[in-house]
Amino acid sequence: MARQHARTLWYDRPKYVFMEFCVEDSTDVHVLIEDHRIVFSCKNPDGVEFYNEIEFYAKVNCKPVWLSVDFDNWRDWEGEEEVELAQVEHYAELLKKVSTKGPPPAMDDLDDDSDSADATSN
């Protein structure tokens, strides 16, 4: 039986690239990560072998059909600083609201009430 490419999703973050090889109930999983490539292989329950080898920073003339973007986790980095700044400002406002509340209520009278309740129940 010929090997197939596993469907692969990827997305990136400033310091990382995430890849997900989509094979349900896989067995004999092997992952080799080197400086210049990643190699993934496994078998599915039907015994079909999957094999992916991805070279990092290599010029690709055509996009492999089994490699697609994971749009559920995709981020457009353009303007990202503005979004993060708005989130920080919102968080700072929440902290300010929490910290400007008055002092907590005095609970001195709780001891007096519980003592008198104990005395009357005996």
N, C-alpha and C. Protein backbone atom coordinates (compact mmCIF):
# COMPACT_ATOMS: atom_id res chain seq x y z
N MET A 1 0.85 -1.18 0.00
CA MET A 1 0.00 0.00 0.00
C MET A 1 0.90 1.24 0.00
N ALA A 2 0.59 2.22 -0.83
CA ALA A 2 1.39 3.44 -0.95
C ALA A 2 1.17 4.36 0.25
N ARG A 3 2.21 5.10 0.55
CA ARG A 3 2.08 6.09 1.64
C ARG A 3 1.32 7.31 1.13
N GLN A 4 0.62 7.95 2.08
CA GLN A 4 -0.13 9.17 1.78
C GLN A 4 0.36 10.28 2.68
N HIS A 5 0.09 11.50 2.28
CA HIS A 5 0.36 12.64 3.15
C HIS A 5 -0.80 12.82 4.11
N ALA A 6 -0.50 13.07 5.36
CA ALA A 6 -1.55 13.39 6.33
C ALA A 6 -1.97 14.84 6.11
N ARG A 7 -3.26 15.10 6.22
CA ARG A 7 -3.75 16.48 6.16
C ARG A 7 -3.08 17.24 7.30
N THR A 8 -2.53 18.42 7.00
CA THR A 8 -1.74 19.16 7.98
C THR A 8 -2.24 20.59 8.08
N LEU A 9 -2.49 21.04 9.30
CA LEU A 9 -2.88 22.43 9.56
C LEU A 9 -1.72 23.12 10.24
N TRP A 10 -1.53 24.39 9.95
CA TRP A 10 -0.47 25.14 10.62
C TRP A 10 -0.93 26.57 10.86
N TYR A 11 -0.33 27.17 11.87
CA TYR A 11 -0.50 28.60 12.14
C TYR A 11 0.72 29.06 12.91
N ASP A 12 0.95 30.36 12.93
CA ASP A 12 2.15 30.84 13.60
C ASP A 12 1.84 31.88 14.65
N ARG A 13 2.77 32.06 15.53
CA ARG A 13 2.78 33.08 16.56
C ARG A 13 4.16 33.75 16.49
N PRO A 14 4.39 34.82 17.21
CA PRO A 14 5.68 35.52 17.05
C PRO A 14 6.90 34.62 17.21
N LYS A 15 6.87 33.67 18.13
CA LYS A 15 8.05 32.85 18.37
C LYS A 15 7.88 31.40 17.94
N TYR A 16 6.67 30.97 17.52
CA TYR A 16 6.41 29.56 17.27
C TYR A 16 5.61 29.35 15.99
N VAL A 17 5.75 28.17 15.44
CA VAL A 17 4.89 27.69 14.36
C VAL A 17 4.25 26.41 14.87
N PHE A 18 2.93 26.31 14.78
CA PHE A 18 2.20 25.14 15.23
C PHE A 18 1.76 24.34 14.02
N MET A 19 1.95 23.00 14.09
CA MET A 19 1.51 22.11 13.02
C MET A 19 0.68 21.00 13.64
N GLU A 20 -0.42 20.69 12.98
CA GLU A 20 -1.28 19.60 13.43
C GLU A 20 -1.45 18.62 12.27
N PHE A 21 -0.99 17.41 12.47
CA PHE A 21 -1.15 16.35 11.48
C PHE A 21 -2.44 15.60 11.82
N CYS A 22 -3.38 15.61 10.90
CA CYS A 22 -4.73 15.13 11.17
C CYS A 22 -4.91 13.68 10.72
N VAL A 23 -4.68 12.74 11.65
CA VAL A 23 -4.91 11.32 11.41
C VAL A 23 -5.60 10.78 12.65
N GLU A 24 -6.84 10.34 12.51
CA GLU A 24 -7.59 9.82 13.66
C GLU A 24 -7.09 8.44 14.05
N ASP A 25 -7.06 8.17 15.35
CA ASP A 25 -6.69 6.86 15.90
C ASP A 25 -5.37 6.36 15.33
N SER A 26 -4.38 7.23 15.26
CA SER A 26 -3.10 6.86 14.66
C SER A 26 -2.29 5.95 15.58
N THR A 27 -1.47 5.10 14.96
CA THR A 27 -0.56 4.21 15.68
C THR A 27 0.81 4.33 15.04
N ASP A 28 1.81 3.78 15.72
CA ASP A 28 3.19 3.83 15.21
C ASP A 28 3.61 5.25 14.82
N VAL A 29 3.29 6.21 15.68
CA VAL A 29 3.57 7.61 15.40
C VAL A 29 5.05 7.89 15.64
N HIS A 30 5.67 8.52 14.65
CA HIS A 30 7.07 8.94 14.76
C HIS A 30 7.17 10.39 14.31
N VAL A 31 7.85 11.20 15.12
CA VAL A 31 8.07 12.60 14.78
C VAL A 31 9.55 12.88 14.93
N LEU A 32 10.16 13.40 13.89
CA LEU A 32 11.56 13.78 13.90
C LEU A 32 11.62 15.27 13.62
N ILE A 33 12.17 16.02 14.56
CA ILE A 33 12.31 17.47 14.38
C ILE A 33 13.79 17.79 14.32
N GLU A 34 14.20 18.38 13.22
CA GLU A 34 15.59 18.79 13.02
C GLU A 34 15.61 20.29 12.76
N ASP A 35 16.81 20.85 12.69
CA ASP A 35 16.94 22.29 12.48
C ASP A 35 16.30 22.75 11.17
N HIS A 36 16.30 21.91 10.17
CA HIS A 36 15.84 22.32 8.85
C HIS A 36 14.58 21.63 8.36
N ARG A 37 14.05 20.67 9.18
CA ARG A 37 12.86 19.96 8.70
C ARG A 37 12.14 19.27 9.85
N ILE A 38 10.90 18.86 9.55
CA ILE A 38 10.13 18.00 10.45
C ILE A 38 9.62 16.82 9.62
N VAL A 39 9.71 15.63 10.20
CA VAL A 39 9.23 14.42 9.53
C VAL A 39 8.19 13.78 10.45
N PHE A 40 7.01 13.50 9.90
CA PHE A 40 5.93 12.88 10.65
C PHE A 40 5.50 11.63 9.89
N SER A 41 5.34 10.52 10.65
CA SER A 41 4.81 9.31 10.02
C SER A 41 3.95 8.56 11.03
N CYS A 42 2.97 7.82 10.51
CA CYS A 42 2.08 7.03 11.36
C CYS A 42 1.26 6.09 10.48
N LYS A 43 0.40 5.31 11.13
CA LYS A 43 -0.57 4.45 10.43
C LYS A 43 -1.95 4.74 11.00
N ASN A 44 -2.96 4.60 10.17
CA ASN A 44 -4.33 4.72 10.67
C ASN A 44 -4.86 3.32 10.99
N PRO A 45 -6.07 3.18 11.54
CA PRO A 45 -6.59 1.85 11.90
C PRO A 45 -6.69 0.87 10.72
N ASP A 46 -6.80 1.40 9.50
CA ASP A 46 -6.89 0.54 8.31
C ASP A 46 -5.52 0.10 7.82
N GLY A 47 -4.45 0.52 8.50
CA GLY A 47 -3.09 0.15 8.10
C GLY A 47 -2.48 1.06 7.05
N VAL A 48 -3.18 2.14 6.67
CA VAL A 48 -2.65 3.08 5.69
C VAL A 48 -1.52 3.87 6.35
N GLU A 49 -0.38 3.97 5.66
CA GLU A 49 0.77 4.71 6.17
C GLU A 49 0.71 6.16 5.72
N PHE A 50 0.98 7.05 6.65
CA PHE A 50 1.04 8.48 6.36
C PHE A 50 2.47 8.95 6.59
N TYR A 51 2.94 9.83 5.72
CA TYR A 51 4.31 10.33 5.82
C TYR A 51 4.35 11.77 5.33
N ASN A 52 4.83 12.66 6.18
CA ASN A 52 4.99 14.06 5.81
C ASN A 52 6.42 14.46 6.15
N GLU A 53 7.05 15.16 5.24
CA GLU A 53 8.37 15.73 5.48
C GLU A 53 8.30 17.19 5.05
N ILE A 54 8.52 18.10 5.98
CA ILE A 54 8.40 19.52 5.70
C ILE A 54 9.74 20.18 5.97
N GLU A 55 10.30 20.81 4.95
CA GLU A 55 11.55 21.53 5.08
C GLU A 55 11.24 22.94 5.59
N PHE A 56 11.96 23.38 6.59
CA PHE A 56 11.78 24.73 7.12
C PHE A 56 12.56 25.73 6.28
N TYR A 57 11.99 26.89 6.05
CA TYR A 57 12.62 28.00 5.35
C TYR A 57 13.07 27.63 3.94
N ALA A 58 12.43 26.64 3.36
CA ALA A 58 12.75 26.26 1.99
C ALA A 58 11.76 26.94 1.05
N LYS A 59 12.25 27.32 -0.11
CA LYS A 59 11.38 27.95 -1.09
C LYS A 59 10.48 26.88 -1.69
N VAL A 60 9.20 27.08 -1.63
CA VAL A 60 8.23 26.12 -2.14
C VAL A 60 7.64 26.68 -3.43
N ASN A 61 7.75 25.91 -4.51
CA ASN A 61 7.22 26.37 -5.79
C ASN A 61 5.71 26.21 -5.88
N CYS A 62 5.19 25.15 -5.27
CA CYS A 62 3.75 24.97 -5.25
C CYS A 62 3.36 24.45 -3.87
N LYS A 63 2.20 24.86 -3.44
CA LYS A 63 1.72 24.47 -2.11
C LYS A 63 1.21 23.05 -2.14
N PRO A 64 1.69 22.18 -1.25
CA PRO A 64 1.16 20.81 -1.23
C PRO A 64 -0.33 20.80 -0.91
N VAL A 65 -1.08 19.90 -1.54
CA VAL A 65 -2.53 19.86 -1.35
C VAL A 65 -2.90 19.42 0.06
N TRP A 66 -2.01 18.73 0.77
CA TRP A 66 -2.31 18.24 2.11
C TRP A 66 -1.95 19.26 3.19
N LEU A 67 -1.38 20.40 2.80
CA LEU A 67 -1.01 21.44 3.76
C LEU A 67 -1.96 22.61 3.61
N SER A 68 -2.66 22.96 4.70
CA SER A 68 -3.58 24.09 4.64
C SER A 68 -3.46 24.91 5.92
N VAL A 69 -3.93 26.13 5.86
CA VAL A 69 -3.86 27.05 6.99
C VAL A 69 -4.98 26.74 7.97
N ASP A 70 -4.66 26.73 9.26
CA ASP A 70 -5.65 26.52 10.32
C ASP A 70 -6.25 27.89 10.66
N PHE A 71 -7.31 28.27 9.94
CA PHE A 71 -7.88 29.60 10.09
C PHE A 71 -8.55 29.81 11.44
N ASP A 72 -8.89 28.73 12.15
CA ASP A 72 -9.46 28.88 13.49
C ASP A 72 -8.45 29.48 14.46
N ASN A 73 -7.17 29.29 14.19
CA ASN A 73 -6.12 29.81 15.07
C ASN A 73 -5.26 30.88 14.40
N TRP A 74 -5.60 31.26 13.19
CA TRP A 74 -4.81 32.22 12.44
C TRP A 74 -4.93 33.62 13.03
N ARG A 75 -3.85 34.37 12.99
CA ARG A 75 -3.87 35.77 13.40
C ARG A 75 -3.22 36.60 12.31
N ASP A 76 -3.79 37.73 12.04
CA ASP A 76 -3.18 38.68 11.12
C ASP A 76 -2.32 39.60 11.98
N TRP A 77 -1.02 39.54 11.80
CA TRP A 77 -0.10 40.26 12.69
C TRP A 77 -0.10 41.76 12.44
N GLU A 78 -0.61 42.21 11.32
CA GLU A 78 -0.65 43.64 11.05
C GLU A 78 -1.65 44.30 11.99
N GLY A 79 -1.20 45.31 12.73
CA GLY A 79 -2.06 46.00 13.68
C GLY A 79 -2.21 45.28 15.00
N GLU A 80 -1.46 44.22 15.21
CA GLU A 80 -1.57 43.42 16.44
C GLU A 80 -1.20 44.24 17.68
N GLU A 81 -0.23 45.15 17.53
CA GLU A 81 0.20 45.95 18.67
C GLU A 81 -0.95 46.82 19.20
N GLU A 82 -1.75 47.34 18.30
CA GLU A 82 -2.87 48.19 18.70
C GLU A 82 -3.91 47.39 19.48
N VAL A 83 -4.18 46.18 19.05
CA VAL A 83 -5.15 45.33 19.74
C VAL A 83 -4.64 44.98 21.13
N GLU A 84 -3.36 44.60 21.22
CA GLU A 84 -2.79 44.26 22.52
C GLU A 84 -2.78 45.47 23.45
N LEU A 85 -2.47 46.65 22.93
CA LEU A 85 -2.47 47.87 23.74
C LEU A 85 -3.88 48.15 24.26
N ALA A 86 -4.90 47.96 23.44
CA ALA A 86 -6.28 48.17 23.88
C ALA A 86 -6.65 47.18 24.98
N GLN A 87 -6.18 45.93 24.87
CA GLN A 87 -6.46 44.94 25.90
C GLN A 87 -5.79 45.31 27.22
N VAL A 88 -4.55 45.80 27.15
CA VAL A 88 -3.83 46.22 28.35
C VAL A 88 -4.53 47.41 29.00
N GLU A 89 -4.96 48.37 28.20
CA GLU A 89 -5.67 49.52 28.73
C GLU A 89 -6.98 49.11 29.39
N HIS A 90 -7.69 48.18 28.80
CA HIS A 90 -8.95 47.68 29.37
C HIS A 90 -8.67 46.99 30.71
N TYR A 91 -7.64 46.19 30.76
CA TYR A 91 -7.27 45.50 32.00
C TYR A 91 -6.88 46.52 33.08
N ALA A 92 -6.16 47.57 32.70
CA ALA A 92 -5.77 48.60 33.66
C ALA A 92 -7.00 49.32 34.22
N GLU A 93 -7.99 49.57 33.36
CA GLU A 93 -9.23 50.19 33.83
C GLU A 93 -9.96 49.30 34.82
N LEU A 94 -10.01 48.01 34.55
CA LEU A 94 -10.66 47.07 35.47
C LEU A 94 -9.95 47.06 36.82
N LEU A 95 -8.63 47.04 36.79
CA LEU A 95 -7.87 47.06 38.04
C LEU A 95 -8.12 48.35 38.81
N LYS A 96 -8.23 49.45 38.10
CA LYS A 96 -8.48 50.74 38.75
C LYS A 96 -9.85 50.74 39.43
N LYS A 97 -10.85 50.18 38.77
CA LYS A 97 -12.18 50.11 39.36
C LYS A 97 -12.19 49.26 40.62
N VAL A 98 -11.48 48.16 40.57
CA VAL A 98 -11.43 47.27 41.73
C VAL A 98 -10.69 47.91 42.88
N SER A 99 -9.61 48.62 42.59
CA SER A 99 -8.79 49.19 43.66
C SER A 99 -9.39 50.46 44.25
N THR A 100 -10.35 51.12 43.59
CA THR A 100 -10.91 52.36 44.11
C THR A 100 -12.13 52.13 45.00
N LYS A 101 -12.48 50.89 45.25
CA LYS A 101 -13.60 50.63 46.14
C LYS A 101 -13.22 51.02 47.56
N GLY A 102 -14.20 51.31 48.36
CA GLY A 102 -13.98 51.69 49.76
C GLY A 102 -13.47 50.52 50.57
N PRO A 103 -13.20 50.76 51.83
CA PRO A 103 -12.70 49.70 52.69
C PRO A 103 -13.78 48.63 52.90
N PRO A 104 -13.37 47.42 53.21
CA PRO A 104 -14.36 46.37 53.44
C PRO A 104 -15.19 46.68 54.68
N PRO A 105 -16.40 46.18 54.77
CA PRO A 105 -17.24 46.47 55.93
C PRO A 105 -16.63 45.88 57.20
N ALA A 106 -16.86 46.58 58.30
CA ALA A 106 -16.38 46.09 59.59
C ALA A 106 -17.19 44.86 59.97
N MET A 107 -16.55 43.87 60.51
CA MET A 107 -17.24 42.64 60.88
C MET A 107 -17.12 42.39 62.37
N ASP A 108 -16.94 43.48 63.12
CA ASP A 108 -16.82 43.36 64.57
C ASP A 108 -18.09 42.80 65.19
N ASP A 109 -19.25 43.17 64.64
CA ASP A 109 -20.51 42.77 65.24
C ASP A 109 -20.84 41.29 65.01
N LEU A 110 -20.14 40.60 64.11
CA LEU A 110 -20.42 39.19 63.87
C LEU A 110 -20.12 38.34 65.11
N ASP A 111 -19.05 38.65 65.80
CA ASP A 111 -18.71 37.89 67.01
C ASP A 111 -19.78 38.10 68.08
N ASP A 112 -20.26 39.32 68.24
CA ASP A 112 -21.26 39.62 69.26
C ASP A 112 -22.57 38.87 68.98
N ASP A 113 -23.01 38.81 67.70
CA ASP A 113 -24.24 38.13 67.36
C ASP A 113 -24.14 36.63 67.60
N SER A 114 -23.02 36.03 67.22
CA SER A 114 -22.90 34.60 67.38
C SER A 114 -22.80 34.22 68.83
N ASP A 115 -22.17 35.06 69.69
CA ASP A 115 -22.10 34.77 71.12
C ASP A 115 -23.49 34.83 71.75
N SER A 116 -24.28 35.84 71.38
CA SER A 116 -25.60 35.98 71.98
C SER A 116 -26.53 34.86 71.48
N ALA A 117 -26.37 34.41 70.25
CA ALA A 117 -27.19 33.32 69.74
C ALA A 117 -26.85 32.02 70.45
N ASP A 118 -25.57 31.80 70.76
CA ASP A 118 -25.17 30.60 71.48
C ASP A 118 -25.72 30.62 72.90
N ALA A 119 -25.72 31.79 73.51
CA ALA A 119 -26.17 31.91 74.90
C ALA A 119 -27.68 31.65 75.01
N THR A 120 -28.45 32.10 74.04
CA THR A 120 -29.91 31.95 74.11
C THR A 120 -30.34 30.52 73.77
N SER A 121 -29.52 29.80 72.99
CA SER A 121 -29.92 28.45 72.62
C SER A 121 -29.66 27.44 73.73
N ASN A 122 -28.85 27.78 74.73
CA ASN A 122 -28.56 26.85 75.83
C ASN A 122 -29.55 26.95 76.91
